[in-house]
């Protein structure tokens, strides 16, 4: 089993030229945060049957 300390020791032994590649690799492993769903409201009026996003860009 690999521990953080063991990984840190290996990184400390690496030449400085490779550190940027390691950093990019580690950042690439991160997963994206799930997008939060937002509550929608029924306004019972003029905005119920139109695409509000489309109208906003007009």
PDB file of N, CA and C in Angstrom:
ATOM      1  N   UNK A   1       0.830  -1.177   0.000  1.00  0.00           N
ATOM      2  CA  UNK A   1       0.000   0.000   0.000  1.00  0.00           C
ATOM      3  C   UNK A   1       0.881   1.249   0.000  1.00  0.00           C
ATOM      4  N   UNK A   2       0.507   2.211  -0.816  1.00  0.00           N
ATOM      5  CA  UNK A   2       1.290   3.432  -0.950  1.00  0.00           C
ATOM      6  C   UNK A   2       0.712   4.486   0.002  1.00  0.00           C
ATOM      7  N   UNK A   3       1.596   5.141   0.709  1.00  0.00           N
ATOM      8  CA  UNK A   3       1.157   6.193   1.630  1.00  0.00           C
ATOM      9  C   UNK A   3       1.576   7.550   1.095  1.00  0.00           C
ATOM     10  N   UNK A   4       0.993   8.597   1.645  1.00  0.00           N
ATOM     11  CA  UNK A   4       1.341   9.958   1.218  1.00  0.00           C
ATOM     12  C   UNK A   4       2.816  10.245   1.455  1.00  0.00           C
ATOM     13  N   UNK A   5       3.317   9.763   2.570  1.00  0.00           N
ATOM     14  CA  UNK A   5       4.722  10.018   2.882  1.00  0.00           C
ATOM     15  C   UNK A   5       5.636   9.392   1.841  1.00  0.00           C
ATOM     16  N   UNK A   6       5.287   8.198   1.388  1.00  0.00           N
ATOM     17  CA  UNK A   6       6.105   7.525   0.383  1.00  0.00           C
ATOM     18  C   UNK A   6       6.060   8.280  -0.945  1.00  0.00           C
ATOM     19  N   UNK A   7       4.873   8.755  -1.318  1.00  0.00           N
ATOM     20  CA  UNK A   7       4.742   9.532  -2.547  1.00  0.00           C
ATOM     21  C   UNK A   7       5.531  10.834  -2.426  1.00  0.00           C
ATOM     22  N   UNK A   8       5.428  11.489  -1.285  1.00  0.00           N
ATOM     23  CA  UNK A   8       6.161  12.745  -1.069  1.00  0.00           C
ATOM     24  C   UNK A   8       7.667  12.530  -1.163  1.00  0.00           C
ATOM     25  N   UNK A   9       8.155  11.418  -0.614  1.00  0.00           N
ATOM     26  CA  UNK A   9       9.590  11.132  -0.699  1.00  0.00           C
ATOM     27  C   UNK A   9      10.037  10.953  -2.146  1.00  0.00           C
ATOM     28  N   UNK A  10       9.207  10.259  -2.937  1.00  0.00           N
ATOM     29  CA  UNK A  10       9.548  10.055  -4.350  1.00  0.00           C
ATOM     30  C   UNK A  10       9.571  11.384  -5.102  1.00  0.00           C
ATOM     31  N   UNK A  11       8.612  12.244  -4.797  1.00  0.00           N
ATOM     32  CA  UNK A  11       8.563  13.556  -5.450  1.00  0.00           C
ATOM     33  C   UNK A  11       9.775  14.388  -5.049  1.00  0.00           C
ATOM     34  N   UNK A  12      10.196  14.299  -3.789  1.00  0.00           N
ATOM     35  CA  UNK A  12      11.371  15.044  -3.330  1.00  0.00           C
ATOM     36  C   UNK A  12      12.638  14.593  -4.054  1.00  0.00           C
ATOM     37  N   UNK A  13      12.699  13.346  -4.476  1.00  0.00           N
ATOM     38  CA  UNK A  13      13.882  12.834  -5.167  1.00  0.00           C
ATOM     39  C   UNK A  13      13.886  13.166  -6.653  1.00  0.00           C
ATOM     40  N   UNK A  14      12.758  13.592  -7.197  1.00  0.00           N
ATOM     41  CA  UNK A  14      12.663  13.875  -8.633  1.00  0.00           C
ATOM     42  C   UNK A  14      13.423  15.142  -8.999  1.00  0.00           C
ATOM     43  N   UNK A  15      13.908  15.194 -10.238  1.00  0.00           N
ATOM     44  CA  UNK A  15      14.531  16.439 -10.698  1.00  0.00           C
ATOM     45  C   UNK A  15      13.462  17.525 -10.863  1.00  0.00           C
ATOM     46  N   UNK A  16      13.860  18.771 -10.701  1.00  0.00           N
ATOM     47  CA  UNK A  16      12.920  19.895 -10.764  1.00  0.00           C
ATOM     48  C   UNK A  16      12.235  20.027 -12.115  1.00  0.00           C
ATOM     49  N   UNK A  17      12.860  19.532 -13.164  1.00  0.00           N
ATOM     50  CA  UNK A  17      12.278  19.647 -14.500  1.00  0.00           C
ATOM     51  C   UNK A  17      10.991  18.829 -14.630  1.00  0.00           C
ATOM     52  N   UNK A  18      10.859  17.772 -13.847  1.00  0.00           N
ATOM     53  CA  UNK A  18       9.692  16.900 -13.950  1.00  0.00           C
ATOM     54  C   UNK A  18       8.538  17.323 -13.041  1.00  0.00           C
ATOM     55  N   UNK A  19       8.776  18.247 -12.155  1.00  0.00           N
ATOM     56  CA  UNK A  19       7.744  18.621 -11.190  1.00  0.00           C
ATOM     57  C   UNK A  19       6.504  19.204 -11.854  1.00  0.00           C
ATOM     58  N   UNK A  20       6.679  19.961 -12.919  1.00  0.00           N
ATOM     59  CA  UNK A  20       5.513  20.540 -13.607  1.00  0.00           C
ATOM     60  C   UNK A  20       4.650  19.431 -14.209  1.00  0.00           C
ATOM     61  N   UNK A  21       5.280  18.415 -14.780  1.00  0.00           N
ATOM     62  CA  UNK A  21       4.525  17.299 -15.341  1.00  0.00           C
ATOM     63  C   UNK A  21       3.761  16.547 -14.251  1.00  0.00           C
ATOM     64  N   UNK A  22       4.401  16.358 -13.114  1.00  0.00           N
ATOM     65  CA  UNK A  22       3.744  15.671 -11.995  1.00  0.00           C
ATOM     66  C   UNK A  22       2.560  16.494 -11.507  1.00  0.00           C
ATOM     67  N   UNK A  23       2.743  17.795 -11.411  1.00  0.00           N
ATOM     68  CA  UNK A  23       1.670  18.683 -10.958  1.00  0.00           C
ATOM     69  C   UNK A  23       0.479  18.629 -11.913  1.00  0.00           C
ATOM     70  N   UNK A  24       0.739  18.678 -13.207  1.00  0.00           N
ATOM     71  CA  UNK A  24      -0.340  18.594 -14.198  1.00  0.00           C
ATOM     72  C   UNK A  24      -1.051  17.242 -14.126  1.00  0.00           C
ATOM     73  N   UNK A  25      -0.299  16.183 -13.908  1.00  0.00           N
ATOM     74  CA  UNK A  25      -0.887  14.855 -13.800  1.00  0.00           C
ATOM     75  C   UNK A  25      -1.814  14.769 -12.589  1.00  0.00           C
ATOM     76  N   UNK A  26      -1.363  15.285 -11.461  1.00  0.00           N
ATOM     77  CA  UNK A  26      -2.173  15.240 -10.237  1.00  0.00           C
ATOM     78  C   UNK A  26      -3.437  16.068 -10.411  1.00  0.00           C
ATOM     79  N   UNK A  27      -3.321  17.232 -11.024  1.00  0.00           N
ATOM     80  CA  UNK A  27      -4.509  18.056 -11.255  1.00  0.00           C
ATOM     81  C   UNK A  27      -5.469  17.380 -12.225  1.00  0.00           C
ATOM     82  N   UNK A  28      -4.959  16.612 -13.144  1.00  0.00           N
ATOM     83  CA  UNK A  28      -5.806  15.897 -14.090  1.00  0.00           C
ATOM     84  C   UNK A  28      -6.597  14.769 -13.443  1.00  0.00           C
ATOM     85  N   UNK A  29      -6.135  14.284 -12.315  1.00  0.00           N
ATOM     86  CA  UNK A  29      -6.817  13.204 -11.616  1.00  0.00           C
ATOM     87  C   UNK A  29      -8.028  13.681 -10.824  1.00  0.00           C
ATOM     88  N   UNK A  30      -8.056  14.951 -10.502  1.00  0.00           N
ATOM     89  CA  UNK A  30      -9.163  15.471  -9.705  1.00  0.00           C
ATOM     90  C   UNK A  30     -10.462  15.350 -10.481  1.00  0.00           C
ATOM     91  N   UNK A  31     -11.496  14.983  -9.788  1.00  0.00           N
ATOM     92  CA  UNK A  31     -12.796  14.884 -10.429  1.00  0.00           C
ATOM     93  C   UNK A  31     -13.501  16.228 -10.360  1.00  0.00           C
ATOM     94  N   UNK A  32     -14.380  16.443 -11.326  1.00  0.00           N
ATOM     95  CA  UNK A  32     -15.131  17.688 -11.335  1.00  0.00           C
ATOM     96  C   UNK A  32     -16.190  17.649 -10.258  1.00  0.00           C
ATOM     97  N   UNK A  33     -16.453  18.800  -9.683  1.00  0.00           N
ATOM     98  CA  UNK A  33     -17.502  18.892  -8.686  1.00  0.00           C
ATOM     99  C   UNK A  33     -18.847  18.738  -9.376  1.00  0.00           C
ATOM    100  N   UNK A  34     -19.741  17.998  -8.761  1.00  0.00           N
ATOM    101  CA  UNK A  34     -21.061  17.883  -9.384  1.00  0.00           C
ATOM    102  C   UNK A  34     -21.763  19.229  -9.385  1.00  0.00           C
ATOM    103  N   UNK A  35     -22.450  19.482 -10.484  1.00  0.00           N
ATOM    104  CA  UNK A  35     -23.143  20.757 -10.585  1.00  0.00           C
ATOM    105  C   UNK A  35     -24.352  20.734  -9.668  1.00  0.00           C
ATOM    106  N   UNK A  36     -24.542  21.836  -8.968  1.00  0.00           N
ATOM    107  CA  UNK A  36     -25.678  21.932  -8.069  1.00  0.00           C
ATOM    108  C   UNK A  36     -26.943  22.192  -8.867  1.00  0.00           C
ATOM    109  N   UNK A  37     -27.986  21.492  -8.510  1.00  0.00           N
ATOM    110  CA  UNK A  37     -29.266  21.742  -9.134  1.00  0.00           C
ATOM    111  C   UNK A  37     -29.905  22.914  -8.399  1.00  0.00           C
ATOM    112  N   UNK A  38     -30.521  23.790  -9.132  1.00  0.00           N
ATOM    113  CA  UNK A  38     -31.171  24.914  -8.489  1.00  0.00           C
ATOM    114  C   UNK A  38     -32.676  24.745  -8.596  1.00  0.00           C
ATOM    115  N   UNK A  39     -33.341  25.266  -7.625  1.00  0.00           N
ATOM    116  CA  UNK A  39     -34.787  25.130  -7.548  1.00  0.00           C
ATOM    117  C   UNK A  39     -35.445  26.026  -8.589  1.00  0.00           C
ATOM    118  N   UNK A  40     -36.402  25.466  -9.270  1.00  0.00           N
ATOM    119  CA  UNK A  40     -37.144  26.248 -10.252  1.00  0.00           C
ATOM    120  C   UNK A  40     -38.513  26.591  -9.676  1.00  0.00           C
ATOM    121  N   UNK A  41     -39.016  27.680 -10.119  1.00  0.00           N
ATOM    122  CA  UNK A  41     -40.307  28.151  -9.616  1.00  0.00           C
ATOM    123  C   UNK A  41     -41.317  28.205 -10.747  1.00  0.00           C
ATOM    124  N   UNK A  42     -42.537  27.904 -10.420  1.00  0.00           N
ATOM    125  CA  UNK A  42     -43.615  28.076 -11.388  1.00  0.00           C
ATOM    126  C   UNK A  42     -44.196  29.456 -11.131  1.00  0.00           C
ATOM    127  N   UNK A  43     -43.992  30.331 -12.058  1.00  0.00           N
ATOM    128  CA  UNK A  43     -44.428  31.711 -11.878  1.00  0.00           C
ATOM    129  C   UNK A  43     -45.876  31.930 -12.301  1.00  0.00           C
ATOM    130  N   UNK A  44     -46.460  30.944 -12.925  1.00  0.00           N
ATOM    131  CA  UNK A  44     -47.847  31.000 -13.364  1.00  0.00           C
ATOM    132  C   UNK A  44     -48.137  32.277 -14.140  1.00  0.00           C
ATOM    133  N   UNK A  45     -47.275  32.552 -15.068  1.00  0.00           N
ATOM    134  CA  UNK A  45     -47.465  33.768 -15.836  1.00  0.00           C
ATOM    135  C   UNK A  45     -46.660  33.776 -17.101  1.00  0.00           C
ATOM    136  N   UNK A  46     -46.100  34.920 -17.408  1.00  0.00           N
ATOM    137  CA  UNK A  46     -45.471  35.144 -18.702  1.00  0.00           C
ATOM    138  C   UNK A  46     -44.209  34.314 -18.941  1.00  0.00           C
ATOM    139  N   UNK A  47     -43.554  33.819 -17.926  1.00  0.00           N
ATOM    140  CA  UNK A  47     -42.301  33.085 -18.120  1.00  0.00           C
ATOM    141  C   UNK A  47     -42.481  31.572 -18.139  1.00  0.00           C
ATOM    142  N   UNK A  48     -43.693  31.053 -17.958  1.00  0.00           N
ATOM    143  CA  UNK A  48     -43.896  29.613 -17.875  1.00  0.00           C
ATOM    144  C   UNK A  48     -43.633  28.889 -19.187  1.00  0.00           C
ATOM    145  N   UNK A  49     -44.016  29.446 -20.311  1.00  0.00           N
ATOM    146  CA  UNK A  49     -43.931  28.727 -21.585  1.00  0.00           C
ATOM    147  C   UNK A  49     -42.875  29.268 -22.535  1.00  0.00           C
ATOM    148  N   UNK A  50     -41.903  30.050 -22.058  1.00  0.00           N
ATOM    149  CA  UNK A  50     -40.850  30.562 -22.936  1.00  0.00           C
ATOM    150  C   UNK A  50     -39.491  30.116 -22.422  1.00  0.00           C
ATOM    151  N   UNK A  51     -38.534  30.140 -23.309  1.00  0.00           N
ATOM    152  CA  UNK A  51     -37.164  29.822 -22.951  1.00  0.00           C
ATOM    153  C   UNK A  51     -36.518  31.119 -22.460  1.00  0.00           C
ATOM    154  N   UNK A  52     -36.407  31.259 -21.158  1.00  0.00           N
ATOM    155  CA  UNK A  52     -35.912  32.501 -20.548  1.00  0.00           C
ATOM    156  C   UNK A  52     -34.458  32.752 -20.935  1.00  0.00           C
ATOM    157  N   UNK A  53     -33.665  31.704 -21.019  1.00  0.00           N
ATOM    158  CA  UNK A  53     -32.250  31.864 -21.381  1.00  0.00           C
ATOM    159  C   UNK A  53     -32.126  32.417 -22.797  1.00  0.00           C
ATOM    160  N   UNK A  54     -32.945  31.912 -23.700  1.00  0.00           N
ATOM    161  CA  UNK A  54     -32.916  32.391 -25.082  1.00  0.00           C
ATOM    162  C   UNK A  54     -33.332  33.867 -25.140  1.00  0.00           C
ATOM    163  N   UNK A  55     -34.349  34.234 -24.410  1.00  0.00           N
ATOM    164  CA  UNK A  55     -34.818  35.625 -24.381  1.00  0.00           C
ATOM    165  C   UNK A  55     -33.775  36.548 -23.770  1.00  0.00           C
ATOM    166  N   UNK A  56     -33.016  36.062 -22.794  1.00  0.00           N
ATOM    167  CA  UNK A  56     -32.010  36.893 -22.139  1.00  0.00           C
ATOM    168  C   UNK A  56     -30.885  37.271 -23.094  1.00  0.00           C
ATOM    169  N   UNK A  57     -30.577  36.394 -24.056  1.00  0.00           N
ATOM    170  CA  UNK A  57     -29.506  36.673 -25.005  1.00  0.00           C
ATOM    171  C   UNK A  57     -29.975  37.430 -26.240  1.00  0.00           C
ATOM    172  N   UNK A  58     -31.260  37.688 -26.342  1.00  0.00           N
ATOM    173  CA  UNK A  58     -31.786  38.461 -27.482  1.00  0.00           C
ATOM    174  C   UNK A  58     -31.513  39.931 -27.320  1.00  0.00           C
TER     175      UNK A  58
END
